[in-house]
Amino acid sequence: MENLFRLVDHEDFFACRCIMVNGPVIVGAGPSGLATAACLRDQGVPFEVLERAECIASLWQKRTYDRLKLHLPKAFCQLPKLPFPEDFPEYPTKRQFIDYLESYAKHFEINPKFNSSVQSARYDETSGFWRVKTVATTGSTRSEVEYICRWLIVATGENAECVVPDIDGLSEFGGEVVHACEYKSGEKYKGQKVLVVGCGNSGMELSLDLCNHNASPSMVVRSSVHVLPREIYGKSTFELAVFLLKWLPVWLADKLLLLFSWLILGSIEKYGLNRPSVGPMELKNTQGKTPVLDIGALDKIKSGGIKVVPGIKRFSYGRVELVDGEVLDIDSVVLATGYRSNVPSWLQEGEFFSKSGFPKQPFPQGWKGNAGLYAVGFTRRGLSGASCDAMRIAQDIGNVWKCETKQNKKRTTAGHRRCISQTF
C-alpha cells in the first residue's frame, strides 16, 4: 500500500483516469496476447488486455489477403489448452483461423479493452509498478487512461507495423501502390502488369494470386532465397525439419532438406532464384529469415506466368528501371516488403529490448526481462514459439501469484491484489 501512495506523489497521477490492475497488463490481443491471457486464466491470475484496434487479431482480420491459409499444419499453429476443431483441414483458411481465435477468446473469457492505443509504458522505480499510458477512443470521444500494474507483457509481436521502403522515384510512378497489408485479391488487377516487390512467402503467394486472376506479375528478387516444397512426399516440410533437428545437427538437417527439395522442385537457380550459402534452418535460427514454402508459385515461374526480375534502380511515370538496365512498363505496384516491431515507439526501456524492437536475448531466453517485464511472440518461430513463451510467462507469474495469495489468506487485512482492479 505504501507503494500506491508513492504513485500519488507524482504530479501527473490525477491528470488522467488511472486504473490499478490486479495482475499483469498484456499489450496486444493477437494470437500471442490471447495465448498468454488463456494461460494466465488457467493459473488463476487476473489480467487486463489492451488492444489498439476494435477487434482481436487485427493483423489477420484487417491486413491479410483473402486466399491466405496457414502455411504450417494446424498441429503447429494451435494455441495452448484448446486445439483446433477436428473438422478443420490440415491447413486452415484465414476465416477458419479467425473463427478459432474468436472462440478461443470466448472460451477463456478474454475481453480486451479495444480501441486502447498504448502511447508509452515505463517502469516507475519509486513505486515498483509499470505505468502504461493509453489513448482510448469510443466513437468521437477520446480519453486518456493510465494503467498501473506490477507485470507488463509485451504481445504486440513481430508484425505490428508494415515496412514501406524508400525507393527512388516511387512518388512519381503515378499508378496504384499498395502494401501487402492492403492487398485482398488479384481480381481488381485483371489484365494489369503488376510489380511485386519482395519474394518471401507473401510476395510469392501474391504473385501466384495475381497470376490466377489473369494479371501479369513481375516479382522483384534482390537477394538469395530458400524455396522449399510445403510437403515432402506427403509429410509437412516443417514437421520433417522438426523431426530431423531432434536427431541431427542443423547443418546435416539442412543438407537433407535441400536434397529433398531438389528432388521435388528441381534446380531453381536457372529461374533467377539463388539459394543462400547458409542452409534454411540455420538461416532461420541465426537471422530469423523464414524459407518460402511453395504452394504453386514456382510452377508459374517455370511456365513464365510469373516473371522474376532483379532489384529496382528507380521508378518513373508508369515504368520501373531495374538494376540490370531493363525497363518495364507497369500499371500497379504491390510492396510485399514485410513488417516490423513497433515496441521502441512506446516502451521506455533499453535493457531487455533492442532498438529493432526484439528482445536482445535469442530464443529461448528472450521471454523474460527485469522488473516484471515479459515478451511473447518475438521468437521468429511462429505461433508455436509464441505458445511456448505464453506458457512460460504464465507459469512464472502464476508461481509468484499463488505464493503471495497464500500469504495474504493468512492475514486479516487484505492486500491490494485481492481485488481485480481499482479505478482512481
Protein backbone atom coordinates (compact mmCIF):
# COMPACT_ATOMS: atom_id res chain seq x y z
CA MET A 1 0.00 0.00 0.00
CA GLU A 2 2.93 2.30 0.68
CA ASN A 3 3.93 1.98 -2.98
CA LEU A 4 0.49 3.19 -4.07
CA PHE A 5 0.87 6.34 -2.01
CA ARG A 6 4.20 6.95 -3.72
CA LEU A 7 2.36 6.93 -7.04
CA VAL A 8 0.04 9.65 -5.81
CA ASP A 9 3.03 11.86 -5.12
CA HIS A 10 3.60 12.20 -8.86
CA GLU A 11 2.01 15.40 -10.12
CA ASP A 12 0.59 13.79 -13.28
CA PHE A 13 -1.15 10.95 -11.44
CA PHE A 14 -4.52 12.70 -11.50
CA ALA A 15 -4.05 14.24 -14.96
CA CYS A 16 -5.96 11.31 -16.50
CA ARG A 17 -8.08 8.38 -15.37
CA CYS A 18 -5.88 5.79 -13.65
CA ILE A 19 -6.65 2.11 -13.18
CA MET A 20 -4.78 -0.14 -10.80
CA VAL A 21 -4.67 -3.58 -12.44
CA ASN A 22 -4.68 -6.55 -10.15
CA GLY A 23 -2.28 -8.64 -12.20
CA PRO A 24 -0.39 -8.14 -15.47
CA VAL A 25 -1.25 -5.85 -18.35
CA ILE A 26 -0.96 -7.53 -21.75
CA VAL A 27 -0.38 -5.17 -24.68
CA GLY A 28 -1.81 -6.73 -27.82
CA ALA A 29 -4.79 -9.01 -28.49
CA GLY A 30 -3.32 -11.03 -31.32
CA PRO A 31 -2.60 -14.76 -31.03
CA SER A 32 0.35 -14.11 -28.70
CA GLY A 33 -1.67 -11.95 -26.30
CA LEU A 34 -4.62 -14.34 -26.35
CA ALA A 35 -2.39 -17.34 -25.65
CA THR A 36 -0.80 -15.58 -22.67
CA ALA A 37 -4.17 -14.50 -21.32
CA ALA A 38 -5.52 -18.04 -21.57
CA CYS A 39 -2.51 -19.46 -19.74
CA LEU A 40 -2.85 -16.83 -17.02
CA ARG A 41 -6.54 -17.66 -16.69
CA ASP A 42 -5.56 -21.28 -16.21
CA GLN A 43 -3.18 -20.20 -13.44
CA GLY A 44 -5.93 -18.19 -11.74
CA VAL A 45 -4.15 -14.88 -12.35
CA PRO A 46 -6.32 -11.86 -13.32
CA PHE A 47 -5.13 -9.63 -16.18
CA GLU A 48 -6.04 -6.78 -18.49
CA VAL A 49 -5.55 -6.94 -22.28
CA LEU A 50 -5.11 -3.67 -24.21
CA GLU A 51 -5.70 -3.63 -27.97
CA ARG A 52 -5.40 -0.61 -30.25
CA ALA A 53 -7.85 -2.00 -32.85
CA GLU A 54 -11.54 -2.73 -32.37
CA CYS A 55 -11.14 -6.50 -32.68
CA ILE A 56 -8.85 -9.34 -31.72
CA ALA A 57 -6.15 -10.46 -34.17
CA SER A 58 -6.42 -7.28 -36.22
CA LEU A 59 -3.50 -8.31 -38.43
CA TRP A 60 -5.40 -11.40 -39.52
CA GLN A 61 -8.76 -9.68 -39.78
CA LYS A 62 -7.74 -6.45 -41.47
CA ARG A 63 -4.32 -6.82 -43.07
CA THR A 64 -4.23 -10.17 -44.82
CA TYR A 65 -5.24 -11.26 -48.31
CA ASP A 66 -8.33 -13.36 -48.99
CA ARG A 67 -6.67 -16.57 -50.18
CA LEU A 68 -4.37 -16.84 -47.17
CA LYS A 69 -4.11 -20.17 -45.38
CA LEU A 70 -1.82 -21.22 -42.57
CA HIS A 71 1.48 -22.22 -44.11
CA LEU A 72 2.12 -24.84 -41.43
CA PRO A 73 -0.07 -27.78 -40.34
CA LYS A 74 -2.67 -26.90 -37.73
CA ALA A 75 -0.92 -29.02 -35.07
CA PHE A 76 1.90 -26.45 -35.06
CA CYS A 77 -0.40 -23.43 -35.05
CA GLN A 78 -2.95 -24.11 -32.32
CA LEU A 79 -2.72 -22.09 -29.13
CA PRO A 80 -2.27 -23.61 -25.65
CA LYS A 81 -5.06 -25.53 -23.95
CA LEU A 82 -7.55 -25.51 -26.86
CA PRO A 83 -6.88 -27.40 -30.11
CA PHE A 84 -8.41 -26.64 -33.49
CA PRO A 85 -11.77 -28.30 -34.20
CA GLU A 86 -11.26 -31.80 -35.59
CA ASP A 87 -13.13 -30.99 -38.80
CA PHE A 88 -10.71 -28.19 -39.72
CA PRO A 89 -8.43 -29.03 -42.67
CA GLU A 90 -4.70 -29.60 -42.23
CA TYR A 91 -4.06 -26.02 -43.38
CA PRO A 92 -6.93 -23.85 -42.07
CA THR A 93 -8.07 -20.86 -44.08
CA LYS A 94 -7.83 -17.28 -42.88
CA ARG A 95 -11.52 -17.28 -41.95
CA GLN A 96 -11.23 -20.56 -40.07
CA PHE A 97 -8.25 -19.30 -38.11
CA ILE A 98 -10.07 -16.10 -37.16
CA ASP A 99 -13.10 -18.15 -36.06
CA TYR A 100 -10.78 -20.29 -33.94
CA LEU A 101 -9.24 -17.22 -32.28
CA GLU A 102 -12.66 -15.73 -31.55
CA SER A 103 -13.88 -18.97 -29.99
CA TYR A 104 -10.59 -19.17 -28.07
CA ALA A 105 -11.14 -15.71 -26.56
CA LYS A 106 -14.73 -16.60 -25.67
CA HIS A 107 -13.75 -19.94 -24.15
CA PHE A 108 -11.20 -18.35 -21.80
CA GLU A 109 -13.34 -15.25 -21.15
CA ILE A 110 -10.76 -12.87 -22.60
CA ASN A 111 -12.32 -9.43 -23.01
CA PRO A 112 -9.74 -6.93 -24.24
CA LYS A 113 -10.04 -3.17 -23.88
CA PHE A 114 -10.44 -2.36 -27.57
CA ASN A 115 -9.51 0.96 -29.20
CA SER A 116 -6.89 1.45 -26.50
CA SER A 117 -3.66 2.59 -28.09
CA VAL A 118 -0.62 2.47 -25.81
CA GLN A 119 1.30 5.74 -26.02
CA SER A 120 4.02 4.90 -23.53
CA ALA A 121 4.98 2.38 -20.87
CA ARG A 122 7.67 2.86 -18.28
CA TYR A 123 8.74 1.31 -15.03
CA ASP A 124 8.40 3.58 -12.00
CA GLU A 125 11.30 2.61 -9.75
CA THR A 126 9.93 4.68 -6.87
CA SER A 127 6.70 2.72 -6.62
CA GLY A 128 7.81 -0.56 -8.19
CA PHE A 129 4.98 -0.51 -10.75
CA TRP A 130 4.68 -0.19 -14.52
CA ARG A 131 2.77 2.85 -15.80
CA VAL A 132 1.06 2.26 -19.13
CA LYS A 133 -0.47 5.35 -20.72
CA THR A 134 -3.13 4.83 -23.36
CA VAL A 135 -5.49 6.83 -25.51
CA ALA A 136 -8.92 5.21 -25.60
CA THR A 137 -11.30 6.05 -28.45
CA THR A 138 -15.05 5.47 -28.33
CA GLY A 139 -16.79 6.93 -31.34
CA SER A 140 -15.81 10.61 -31.39
CA THR A 141 -14.80 10.55 -27.72
CA ARG A 142 -11.10 10.41 -26.93
CA SER A 143 -9.86 9.86 -23.39
CA GLU A 144 -6.53 9.20 -21.70
CA VAL A 145 -6.27 6.23 -19.37
CA GLU A 146 -3.22 5.13 -17.40
CA TYR A 147 -2.91 1.54 -16.18
CA ILE A 148 -0.75 0.79 -13.15
CA CYS A 149 0.50 -2.78 -12.91
CA ARG A 150 3.19 -4.94 -11.41
CA TRP A 151 3.79 -7.00 -14.56
CA LEU A 152 3.87 -5.83 -18.18
CA ILE A 153 3.60 -8.35 -21.02
CA VAL A 154 4.51 -7.08 -24.48
CA ALA A 155 2.49 -9.05 -27.04
CA THR A 156 2.45 -6.64 -29.99
CA GLY A 157 4.54 -9.08 -31.99
CA GLU A 158 6.94 -9.02 -34.90
CA ASN A 159 4.46 -7.60 -37.42
CA ALA A 160 2.97 -4.53 -35.76
CA GLU A 161 3.87 -2.04 -38.49
CA CYS A 162 4.29 -2.50 -42.23
CA VAL A 163 7.66 -1.68 -43.80
CA VAL A 164 7.49 0.71 -46.77
CA PRO A 165 10.91 1.11 -48.40
CA ASP A 166 12.16 4.43 -49.74
CA ILE A 167 12.60 3.70 -53.46
CA ASP A 168 13.86 6.35 -55.83
CA GLY A 169 11.05 7.83 -57.95
CA LEU A 170 8.21 5.84 -56.39
CA SER A 171 6.26 9.03 -55.69
CA GLU A 172 6.44 9.84 -59.41
CA PHE A 173 5.13 6.46 -60.57
CA GLY A 174 1.52 7.60 -60.95
CA GLY A 175 -0.14 4.19 -60.68
CA GLU A 176 -1.53 2.39 -57.66
CA VAL A 177 0.98 1.50 -54.96
CA VAL A 178 -0.18 -0.69 -52.07
CA HIS A 179 1.50 -2.60 -49.29
CA ALA A 180 0.69 -6.29 -48.98
CA CYS A 181 -1.34 -5.45 -45.86
CA GLU A 182 -3.82 -3.62 -48.12
CA TYR A 183 -3.97 -6.31 -50.81
CA LYS A 184 -7.07 -8.51 -50.73
CA SER A 185 -7.40 -10.22 -54.11
CA GLY A 186 -5.91 -10.19 -57.60
CA GLU A 187 -9.35 -9.74 -59.12
CA LYS A 188 -9.04 -5.95 -59.36
CA TYR A 189 -5.72 -6.32 -61.19
CA LYS A 190 -7.03 -8.48 -64.04
CA GLY A 191 -5.19 -7.62 -67.26
CA GLN A 192 -2.66 -5.40 -65.48
CA LYS A 193 1.12 -5.57 -65.34
CA VAL A 194 1.90 -5.66 -61.63
CA LEU A 195 5.30 -5.34 -59.98
CA VAL A 196 5.52 -7.31 -56.73
CA VAL A 197 8.41 -6.06 -54.60
CA GLY A 198 9.58 -8.90 -52.36
CA CYS A 199 9.96 -12.65 -52.69
CA GLY A 200 9.10 -14.01 -49.25
CA ASN A 201 6.05 -16.14 -48.57
CA SER A 202 3.74 -13.14 -49.07
CA GLY A 203 5.45 -11.99 -52.27
CA MET A 204 5.32 -15.49 -53.75
CA GLU A 205 1.69 -16.04 -52.82
CA LEU A 206 0.52 -12.62 -54.02
CA SER A 207 2.30 -13.20 -57.33
CA LEU A 208 0.51 -16.56 -57.62
CA ASP A 209 -2.83 -14.94 -56.80
CA LEU A 210 -2.28 -12.23 -59.40
CA CYS A 211 -1.38 -14.84 -61.99
CA ASN A 212 -4.50 -16.86 -61.18
CA HIS A 213 -6.58 -13.71 -61.77
CA ASN A 214 -5.08 -13.17 -65.23
CA ALA A 215 -2.72 -10.36 -64.26
CA SER A 216 0.93 -10.32 -65.36
CA PRO A 217 3.10 -10.17 -62.23
CA SER A 218 6.84 -9.44 -62.17
CA MET A 219 8.41 -10.34 -58.84
CA VAL A 220 11.47 -8.46 -57.59
CA VAL A 221 14.12 -10.79 -56.16
CA ARG A 222 17.01 -8.71 -54.82
CA SER A 223 18.80 -11.36 -52.80
CA SER A 224 19.07 -15.11 -52.35
CA VAL A 225 16.10 -17.07 -51.08
CA HIS A 226 15.35 -20.62 -49.94
CA VAL A 227 12.30 -22.13 -51.62
CA LEU A 228 11.12 -25.44 -50.18
CA PRO A 229 8.07 -27.55 -51.04
CA ARG A 230 5.32 -27.22 -48.44
CA GLU A 231 5.25 -31.01 -48.21
CA ILE A 232 7.90 -33.64 -48.89
CA TYR A 233 6.42 -36.93 -50.04
CA GLY A 234 3.17 -36.28 -48.21
CA LYS A 235 4.75 -35.06 -44.99
CA SER A 236 4.87 -31.42 -43.90
CA THR A 237 8.32 -29.95 -44.60
CA PHE A 238 8.18 -28.11 -41.28
CA GLU A 239 7.26 -31.27 -39.42
CA LEU A 240 10.09 -33.12 -41.14
CA ALA A 241 12.52 -30.35 -40.22
CA VAL A 242 11.46 -30.51 -36.56
CA PHE A 243 11.98 -34.27 -36.59
CA LEU A 244 15.42 -34.04 -38.21
CA LEU A 245 16.59 -31.37 -35.77
CA LYS A 246 15.79 -33.66 -32.84
CA TRP A 247 18.39 -36.16 -34.01
CA LEU A 248 20.80 -34.34 -36.31
CA PRO A 249 22.95 -31.20 -36.22
CA VAL A 250 21.48 -28.23 -38.07
CA TRP A 251 23.93 -28.42 -40.98
CA LEU A 252 23.05 -32.05 -41.70
CA ALA A 253 19.31 -31.45 -41.37
CA ASP A 254 19.69 -28.60 -43.86
CA LYS A 255 21.60 -30.84 -46.29
CA LEU A 256 18.78 -33.39 -46.24
CA LEU A 257 16.05 -30.75 -46.63
CA LEU A 258 17.82 -29.24 -49.63
CA LEU A 259 18.34 -32.68 -51.17
CA PHE A 260 14.63 -33.49 -50.84
CA SER A 261 13.75 -30.04 -52.23
CA TRP A 262 15.98 -30.58 -55.25
CA LEU A 263 14.37 -33.96 -55.93
CA ILE A 264 10.88 -32.43 -55.82
CA LEU A 265 11.37 -28.91 -57.20
CA GLY A 266 14.48 -29.37 -59.29
CA SER A 267 17.05 -26.62 -59.73
CA ILE A 268 15.61 -23.16 -59.05
CA GLU A 269 18.75 -21.14 -59.80
CA LYS A 270 18.08 -21.09 -63.55
CA TYR A 271 14.83 -19.24 -62.85
CA GLY A 272 16.56 -16.38 -61.03
CA LEU A 273 16.11 -17.80 -57.53
CA ASN A 274 19.55 -18.25 -56.00
CA ARG A 275 19.84 -20.13 -52.74
CA PRO A 276 21.82 -18.65 -49.82
CA SER A 277 25.10 -20.29 -48.87
CA VAL A 278 23.65 -20.91 -45.39
CA GLY A 279 21.03 -23.65 -45.02
CA PRO A 280 17.34 -22.82 -44.43
CA MET A 281 17.15 -23.88 -40.78
CA GLU A 282 20.47 -22.30 -39.84
CA LEU A 283 19.39 -19.08 -41.57
CA LYS A 284 16.09 -19.17 -39.68
CA ASN A 285 17.82 -19.72 -36.35
CA THR A 286 20.55 -17.10 -36.79
CA GLN A 287 18.83 -14.36 -38.78
CA GLY A 288 15.12 -15.10 -38.43
CA LYS A 289 14.65 -15.42 -42.21
CA THR A 290 11.86 -17.85 -42.99
CA PRO A 291 12.21 -20.08 -46.06
CA VAL A 292 9.48 -19.84 -48.68
CA LEU A 293 7.11 -22.82 -48.64
CA ASP A 294 5.98 -23.21 -52.23
CA ILE A 295 2.25 -23.71 -52.85
CA GLY A 296 2.28 -23.29 -56.62
CA ALA A 297 4.18 -20.10 -57.42
CA LEU A 298 7.26 -22.00 -58.61
CA ASP A 299 5.28 -23.74 -61.35
CA LYS A 300 4.05 -20.34 -62.55
CA ILE A 301 7.63 -19.06 -62.56
CA LYS A 302 8.76 -22.07 -64.60
CA SER A 303 5.93 -21.59 -67.10
CA GLY A 304 6.54 -17.85 -67.41
CA GLY A 305 3.31 -16.78 -65.71
CA ILE A 306 5.38 -15.03 -63.04
CA LYS A 307 8.47 -13.16 -64.21
CA VAL A 308 11.43 -12.96 -61.83
CA VAL A 309 13.34 -9.67 -62.05
CA PRO A 310 16.35 -8.24 -60.16
CA GLY A 311 16.42 -5.21 -57.86
CA ILE A 312 14.93 -1.81 -58.62
CA LYS A 313 17.05 1.16 -59.65
CA ARG A 314 14.31 3.77 -59.92
CA PHE A 315 10.67 4.39 -60.82
CA SER A 316 9.33 6.88 -63.34
CA TYR A 317 5.82 7.56 -64.60
CA GLY A 318 4.31 4.16 -65.45
CA ARG A 319 7.70 2.48 -65.55
CA VAL A 320 10.41 0.90 -63.45
CA GLU A 321 14.09 0.65 -64.29
CA LEU A 322 15.86 -2.40 -62.88
CA VAL A 323 19.47 -2.65 -61.74
CA ASP A 324 20.39 -4.61 -64.87
CA GLY A 325 19.18 -1.75 -67.07
CA GLU A 326 15.91 -3.34 -68.18
CA VAL A 327 12.86 -1.03 -68.18
CA LEU A 328 9.38 -2.43 -67.56
CA ASP A 329 6.04 -0.80 -68.24
CA ILE A 330 3.81 -1.47 -65.22
CA ASP A 331 0.34 -0.49 -64.06
CA SER A 332 0.50 -1.17 -60.31
CA VAL A 333 2.96 -1.94 -57.53
CA VAL A 334 2.46 -4.27 -54.55
CA LEU A 335 5.01 -3.92 -51.76
CA ALA A 336 5.49 -7.32 -50.13
CA THR A 337 8.26 -5.81 -48.05
CA GLY A 338 7.33 -7.17 -44.68
CA TYR A 339 6.63 -5.82 -41.21
CA ARG A 340 8.47 -4.72 -38.11
CA SER A 341 8.04 -4.42 -34.37
CA ASN A 342 6.73 -1.11 -33.00
CA VAL A 343 7.95 -1.65 -29.42
CA PRO A 344 10.63 1.11 -29.49
CA SER A 345 7.95 3.70 -30.27
CA TRP A 346 6.17 3.25 -26.93
CA LEU A 347 8.19 1.15 -24.45
CA GLN A 348 10.60 3.31 -22.46
CA GLU A 349 13.15 0.63 -21.68
CA GLY A 350 16.58 -0.16 -23.07
CA GLU A 351 17.89 -3.25 -21.31
CA PHE A 352 15.59 -6.05 -22.47
CA PHE A 353 14.51 -4.87 -25.94
CA SER A 354 16.92 -3.82 -28.69
CA LYS A 355 16.43 -0.83 -30.99
CA SER A 356 14.94 -3.19 -33.57
CA GLY A 357 12.07 -3.95 -31.19
CA PHE A 358 13.11 -7.53 -30.42
CA PRO A 359 14.44 -8.97 -27.16
CA LYS A 360 18.23 -8.83 -27.05
CA GLN A 361 18.47 -12.41 -25.84
CA PRO A 362 17.75 -15.04 -28.51
CA PHE A 363 15.24 -17.86 -28.18
CA PRO A 364 14.61 -19.46 -25.73
CA GLN A 365 15.84 -16.79 -23.28
CA GLY A 366 14.02 -13.81 -24.77
CA TRP A 367 10.74 -14.08 -22.87
CA LYS A 368 11.63 -12.53 -19.50
CA GLY A 369 13.25 -9.21 -18.63
CA ASN A 370 13.70 -7.35 -15.37
CA ALA A 371 11.15 -5.68 -13.08
CA GLY A 372 8.20 -7.76 -14.24
CA LEU A 373 8.69 -7.19 -17.98
CA TYR A 374 7.88 -10.04 -20.39
CA ALA A 375 7.78 -10.55 -24.17
CA VAL A 376 5.68 -13.03 -26.12
CA GLY A 377 5.63 -13.62 -29.87
CA PHE A 378 9.11 -12.33 -30.72
CA THR A 379 10.83 -15.69 -31.21
CA ARG A 380 10.68 -15.67 -35.04
CA ARG A 381 9.28 -19.18 -34.60
CA GLY A 382 5.65 -18.50 -35.45
CA LEU A 383 2.66 -19.49 -33.39
CA SER A 384 4.40 -22.45 -31.75
CA GLY A 385 7.12 -20.13 -30.45
CA ALA A 386 4.51 -17.69 -29.12
CA SER A 387 2.69 -20.52 -27.36
CA CYS A 388 5.92 -21.61 -25.73
CA ASP A 389 6.52 -18.06 -24.47
CA ALA A 390 2.95 -17.76 -23.21
CA MET A 391 3.15 -20.89 -21.09
CA ARG A 392 6.48 -19.88 -19.56
CA ILE A 393 5.27 -16.38 -18.71
CA ALA A 394 2.03 -17.59 -17.14
CA GLN A 395 3.87 -20.21 -15.09
CA ASP A 396 6.40 -17.64 -13.88
CA ILE A 397 3.79 -15.09 -12.83
CA GLY A 398 1.47 -17.80 -11.54
CA ASN A 399 4.10 -19.12 -9.15
CA VAL A 400 4.53 -15.67 -7.58
CA TRP A 401 0.79 -15.05 -7.53
CA LYS A 402 -0.07 -18.32 -5.79
CA CYS A 403 2.68 -17.89 -3.22
CA GLU A 404 1.56 -14.36 -2.32
CA THR A 405 -2.12 -15.31 -2.35
CA LYS A 406 -1.43 -18.00 0.25
CA GLN A 407 0.37 -15.46 2.39
CA ASN A 408 -2.48 -12.97 2.07
CA LYS A 409 -5.02 -15.55 3.20
CA LYS A 410 -3.17 -15.85 6.49
CA ARG A 411 -3.56 -12.15 7.16
CA THR A 412 -6.64 -10.46 8.48
CA THR A 413 -6.09 -7.40 6.30
CA ALA A 414 -6.27 -7.98 2.53
CA GLY A 415 -3.58 -6.58 0.25
CA HIS A 416 -4.27 -4.50 -2.87
CA ARG A 417 -4.03 -7.55 -5.15
CA ARG A 418 -7.10 -9.06 -3.54
CA CYS A 419 -9.38 -7.09 -5.82
CA ILE A 420 -9.49 -7.28 -9.57
CA SER A 421 -8.84 -3.59 -10.22
CA GLN A 422 -9.18 -0.22 -8.64
CA THR A 423 -10.12 2.91 -10.52
CA PHE A 424 -8.80 6.25 -9.29
